[in-house]
Amino acid sequence: MIEPETGISILDLGLVRVTREGGELVITYIPVSAYTPPILSMSIGIQILKKCEKVKVMIDNYYLKDEINRRLEAIRNELSRISSKTIT
């Protein structure tokens, strides 16, 4: 994934952290700046969710992290709900 403000991979920039919380894989994205436009931070979070459906995605070191993390969790839950309906 490319960081939209720099045009460089978020992995190459070291903006991704992978951890485990209670057995759950967590991917944390740290925006280049604490004041990156919210839509860009949210967009990266959604892109990660689309590629890694079974993980929790979070934004850190960002002034709107709580709000964006709530929204990312809601999207994750909805994707999971849709996925489980499709399977049954």
N, C-alpha and C. Protein backbone atom coordinates (compact mmCIF):
# COMPACT_ATOMS: atom_id res chain seq x y z
N MET A 1 0.82 -1.16 0.00
CA MET A 1 0.00 0.00 0.00
C MET A 1 0.88 1.25 0.00
N ILE A 2 0.46 2.21 -0.74
CA ILE A 2 1.23 3.45 -0.87
C ILE A 2 0.68 4.52 0.07
N GLU A 3 1.56 5.18 0.76
CA GLU A 3 1.18 6.30 1.63
C GLU A 3 0.87 7.47 0.70
N PRO A 4 -0.38 7.98 0.74
CA PRO A 4 -0.81 8.97 -0.25
C PRO A 4 -0.06 10.30 -0.23
N GLU A 5 0.45 10.71 0.90
CA GLU A 5 1.14 12.01 0.96
C GLU A 5 2.57 11.95 0.45
N THR A 6 3.18 10.76 0.51
CA THR A 6 4.58 10.65 0.10
C THR A 6 4.77 9.84 -1.17
N GLY A 7 3.81 8.97 -1.49
CA GLY A 7 3.95 8.11 -2.65
C GLY A 7 4.87 6.92 -2.40
N ILE A 8 5.20 6.67 -1.14
CA ILE A 8 6.10 5.58 -0.76
C ILE A 8 5.29 4.53 0.01
N SER A 9 5.69 3.29 -0.11
CA SER A 9 5.00 2.19 0.58
C SER A 9 4.95 2.44 2.09
N ILE A 10 3.80 2.14 2.69
CA ILE A 10 3.69 2.32 4.15
C ILE A 10 4.61 1.35 4.89
N LEU A 11 4.92 0.23 4.27
CA LEU A 11 5.86 -0.71 4.89
C LEU A 11 7.28 -0.16 4.84
N ASP A 12 7.67 0.39 3.69
CA ASP A 12 9.01 0.97 3.56
C ASP A 12 9.21 2.14 4.51
N LEU A 13 8.14 2.87 4.78
CA LEU A 13 8.23 4.01 5.69
C LEU A 13 8.19 3.59 7.16
N GLY A 14 7.91 2.33 7.42
CA GLY A 14 7.83 1.85 8.80
C GLY A 14 6.58 2.33 9.53
N LEU A 15 5.50 2.51 8.79
CA LEU A 15 4.27 3.05 9.36
C LEU A 15 3.28 1.98 9.80
N VAL A 16 3.69 0.72 9.74
CA VAL A 16 2.81 -0.39 10.11
C VAL A 16 3.45 -1.19 11.23
N ARG A 17 2.64 -1.49 12.22
CA ARG A 17 3.09 -2.31 13.34
C ARG A 17 2.12 -3.49 13.45
N VAL A 18 2.65 -4.68 13.59
CA VAL A 18 1.81 -5.87 13.74
C VAL A 18 2.04 -6.44 15.13
N THR A 19 0.95 -6.60 15.88
CA THR A 19 1.03 -7.13 17.24
C THR A 19 -0.07 -8.17 17.43
N ARG A 20 -0.08 -8.77 18.59
CA ARG A 20 -1.12 -9.72 18.94
C ARG A 20 -1.73 -9.28 20.26
N GLU A 21 -3.06 -9.17 20.28
CA GLU A 21 -3.80 -8.80 21.49
C GLU A 21 -4.75 -9.93 21.83
N GLY A 22 -4.47 -10.64 22.89
CA GLY A 22 -5.37 -11.72 23.30
C GLY A 22 -5.63 -12.73 22.21
N GLY A 23 -4.62 -13.09 21.47
CA GLY A 23 -4.77 -14.08 20.41
C GLY A 23 -5.24 -13.50 19.09
N GLU A 24 -5.56 -12.22 19.07
CA GLU A 24 -6.03 -11.58 17.84
C GLU A 24 -4.90 -10.77 17.21
N LEU A 25 -4.75 -10.90 15.91
CA LEU A 25 -3.73 -10.15 15.19
C LEU A 25 -4.21 -8.71 15.00
N VAL A 26 -3.34 -7.74 15.31
CA VAL A 26 -3.69 -6.33 15.20
C VAL A 26 -2.67 -5.65 14.29
N ILE A 27 -3.17 -4.98 13.26
CA ILE A 27 -2.31 -4.19 12.38
C ILE A 27 -2.58 -2.72 12.70
N THR A 28 -1.54 -2.03 13.08
CA THR A 28 -1.67 -0.61 13.43
C THR A 28 -0.95 0.23 12.38
N TYR A 29 -1.68 1.20 11.86
CA TYR A 29 -1.11 2.14 10.89
C TYR A 29 -0.85 3.46 11.61
N ILE A 30 0.34 3.99 11.42
CA ILE A 30 0.71 5.27 12.03
C ILE A 30 0.88 6.28 10.91
N PRO A 31 -0.04 7.24 10.77
CA PRO A 31 0.08 8.22 9.69
C PRO A 31 1.41 8.98 9.76
N VAL A 32 1.84 9.47 8.62
CA VAL A 32 3.09 10.23 8.52
C VAL A 32 3.06 11.43 9.45
N SER A 33 1.91 12.06 9.55
CA SER A 33 1.76 13.24 10.40
C SER A 33 0.52 13.07 11.26
N ALA A 34 0.55 13.62 12.44
CA ALA A 34 -0.63 13.57 13.31
C ALA A 34 -1.78 14.36 12.69
N TYR A 35 -1.49 15.17 11.69
CA TYR A 35 -2.53 15.99 11.05
C TYR A 35 -2.73 15.65 9.58
N THR A 36 -2.42 14.41 9.22
CA THR A 36 -2.77 13.91 7.89
C THR A 36 -4.28 14.05 7.74
N PRO A 37 -4.78 14.43 6.56
CA PRO A 37 -6.24 14.54 6.41
C PRO A 37 -6.92 13.23 6.84
N PRO A 38 -7.98 13.35 7.63
CA PRO A 38 -8.65 12.16 8.16
C PRO A 38 -9.07 11.15 7.09
N ILE A 39 -9.50 11.63 5.95
CA ILE A 39 -9.95 10.71 4.90
C ILE A 39 -8.80 9.83 4.41
N LEU A 40 -7.58 10.36 4.42
CA LEU A 40 -6.44 9.55 3.99
C LEU A 40 -6.12 8.47 5.02
N SER A 41 -6.16 8.83 6.29
CA SER A 41 -5.90 7.84 7.34
C SER A 41 -6.98 6.76 7.34
N MET A 42 -8.22 7.17 7.20
CA MET A 42 -9.33 6.22 7.15
C MET A 42 -9.21 5.32 5.93
N SER A 43 -8.83 5.90 4.82
CA SER A 43 -8.68 5.15 3.57
C SER A 43 -7.63 4.04 3.71
N ILE A 44 -6.50 4.37 4.31
CA ILE A 44 -5.46 3.35 4.51
C ILE A 44 -6.00 2.24 5.41
N GLY A 45 -6.69 2.62 6.48
CA GLY A 45 -7.28 1.62 7.38
C GLY A 45 -8.24 0.70 6.65
N ILE A 46 -9.08 1.26 5.80
CA ILE A 46 -10.04 0.45 5.04
C ILE A 46 -9.32 -0.45 4.05
N GLN A 47 -8.29 0.06 3.40
CA GLN A 47 -7.52 -0.77 2.47
C GLN A 47 -6.90 -1.97 3.18
N ILE A 48 -6.38 -1.73 4.37
CA ILE A 48 -5.80 -2.84 5.15
C ILE A 48 -6.90 -3.84 5.50
N LEU A 49 -8.06 -3.35 5.93
CA LEU A 49 -9.18 -4.24 6.27
C LEU A 49 -9.59 -5.10 5.07
N LYS A 50 -9.63 -4.49 3.90
CA LYS A 50 -10.03 -5.24 2.71
C LYS A 50 -9.04 -6.35 2.37
N LYS A 51 -7.77 -6.10 2.62
CA LYS A 51 -6.74 -7.11 2.31
C LYS A 51 -6.60 -8.15 3.42
N CYS A 52 -6.90 -7.78 4.63
CA CYS A 52 -6.67 -8.65 5.80
C CYS A 52 -7.94 -8.70 6.63
N GLU A 53 -8.95 -9.37 6.14
CA GLU A 53 -10.27 -9.37 6.76
C GLU A 53 -10.31 -9.88 8.19
N LYS A 54 -9.45 -10.79 8.54
CA LYS A 54 -9.53 -11.44 9.85
C LYS A 54 -8.73 -10.73 10.94
N VAL A 55 -8.24 -9.55 10.68
CA VAL A 55 -7.42 -8.86 11.68
C VAL A 55 -8.11 -7.58 12.15
N LYS A 56 -7.69 -7.12 13.28
CA LYS A 56 -8.15 -5.83 13.79
C LYS A 56 -7.21 -4.77 13.24
N VAL A 57 -7.76 -3.68 12.72
CA VAL A 57 -6.96 -2.60 12.16
C VAL A 57 -7.17 -1.36 13.02
N MET A 58 -6.07 -0.72 13.37
CA MET A 58 -6.14 0.48 14.20
C MET A 58 -5.24 1.57 13.64
N ILE A 59 -5.57 2.79 13.98
CA ILE A 59 -4.75 3.96 13.67
C ILE A 59 -4.16 4.43 14.99
N ASP A 60 -2.90 4.82 14.99
CA ASP A 60 -2.26 5.30 16.22
C ASP A 60 -1.52 6.59 15.93
N ASN A 61 -1.20 7.32 16.99
CA ASN A 61 -0.44 8.56 16.90
C ASN A 61 -1.13 9.56 15.97
N TYR A 62 -2.43 9.73 16.19
CA TYR A 62 -3.24 10.57 15.30
C TYR A 62 -4.31 11.25 16.13
N TYR A 63 -4.57 12.50 15.84
CA TYR A 63 -5.48 13.26 16.68
C TYR A 63 -6.93 12.78 16.63
N LEU A 64 -7.33 12.07 15.59
CA LEU A 64 -8.68 11.53 15.50
C LEU A 64 -8.70 10.00 15.61
N LYS A 65 -7.67 9.45 16.23
CA LYS A 65 -7.55 7.99 16.25
C LYS A 65 -8.74 7.30 16.90
N ASP A 66 -9.28 7.84 17.97
CA ASP A 66 -10.40 7.18 18.65
C ASP A 66 -11.62 7.08 17.72
N GLU A 67 -11.94 8.16 17.06
CA GLU A 67 -13.09 8.17 16.15
C GLU A 67 -12.85 7.24 14.96
N ILE A 68 -11.69 7.32 14.36
CA ILE A 68 -11.39 6.47 13.20
C ILE A 68 -11.36 5.00 13.62
N ASN A 69 -10.79 4.70 14.77
CA ASN A 69 -10.75 3.31 15.23
C ASN A 69 -12.15 2.76 15.48
N ARG A 70 -13.05 3.58 16.01
CA ARG A 70 -14.45 3.15 16.18
C ARG A 70 -15.08 2.83 14.83
N ARG A 71 -14.82 3.68 13.87
CA ARG A 71 -15.40 3.46 12.54
C ARG A 71 -14.80 2.23 11.85
N LEU A 72 -13.50 2.05 11.99
CA LEU A 72 -12.86 0.87 11.40
C LEU A 72 -13.40 -0.41 12.04
N GLU A 73 -13.63 -0.39 13.34
CA GLU A 73 -14.18 -1.57 14.01
C GLU A 73 -15.60 -1.84 13.53
N ALA A 74 -16.38 -0.79 13.32
CA ALA A 74 -17.75 -0.96 12.81
C ALA A 74 -17.72 -1.56 11.40
N ILE A 75 -16.81 -1.09 10.58
CA ILE A 75 -16.67 -1.63 9.22
C ILE A 75 -16.25 -3.10 9.29
N ARG A 76 -15.30 -3.39 10.15
CA ARG A 76 -14.84 -4.78 10.32
C ARG A 76 -16.00 -5.68 10.74
N ASN A 77 -16.79 -5.23 11.69
CA ASN A 77 -17.94 -6.02 12.15
C ASN A 77 -18.95 -6.23 11.04
N GLU A 78 -19.18 -5.20 10.26
CA GLU A 78 -20.14 -5.31 9.15
C GLU A 78 -19.61 -6.27 8.08
N LEU A 79 -18.33 -6.18 7.77
CA LEU A 79 -17.74 -7.11 6.79
C LEU A 79 -17.85 -8.55 7.29
N SER A 80 -17.62 -8.74 8.57
CA SER A 80 -17.73 -10.07 9.16
C SER A 80 -19.16 -10.58 9.09
N ARG A 81 -20.11 -9.70 9.38
CA ARG A 81 -21.53 -10.07 9.34
C ARG A 81 -21.94 -10.46 7.92
N ILE A 82 -21.53 -9.66 6.96
CA ILE A 82 -21.86 -9.93 5.56
C ILE A 82 -21.22 -11.24 5.12
N SER A 83 -19.98 -11.43 5.51
CA SER A 83 -19.24 -12.64 5.14
C SER A 83 -19.92 -13.88 5.71
N SER A 84 -20.36 -13.81 6.96
CA SER A 84 -21.00 -14.98 7.58
C SER A 84 -22.36 -15.26 6.95
N LYS A 85 -23.07 -14.24 6.49
CA LYS A 85 -24.34 -14.46 5.81
C LYS A 85 -24.13 -15.10 4.45
N THR A 86 -23.06 -14.72 3.78
CA THR A 86 -22.77 -15.26 2.46
C THR A 86 -22.43 -16.74 2.54
N ILE A 87 -21.75 -17.13 3.60
CA ILE A 87 -21.32 -18.52 3.76
C ILE A 87 -22.49 -19.43 4.09
N THR A 88 -23.45 -18.95 4.89
CA THR A 88 -24.56 -19.81 5.31
C THR A 88 -25.63 -19.94 4.27
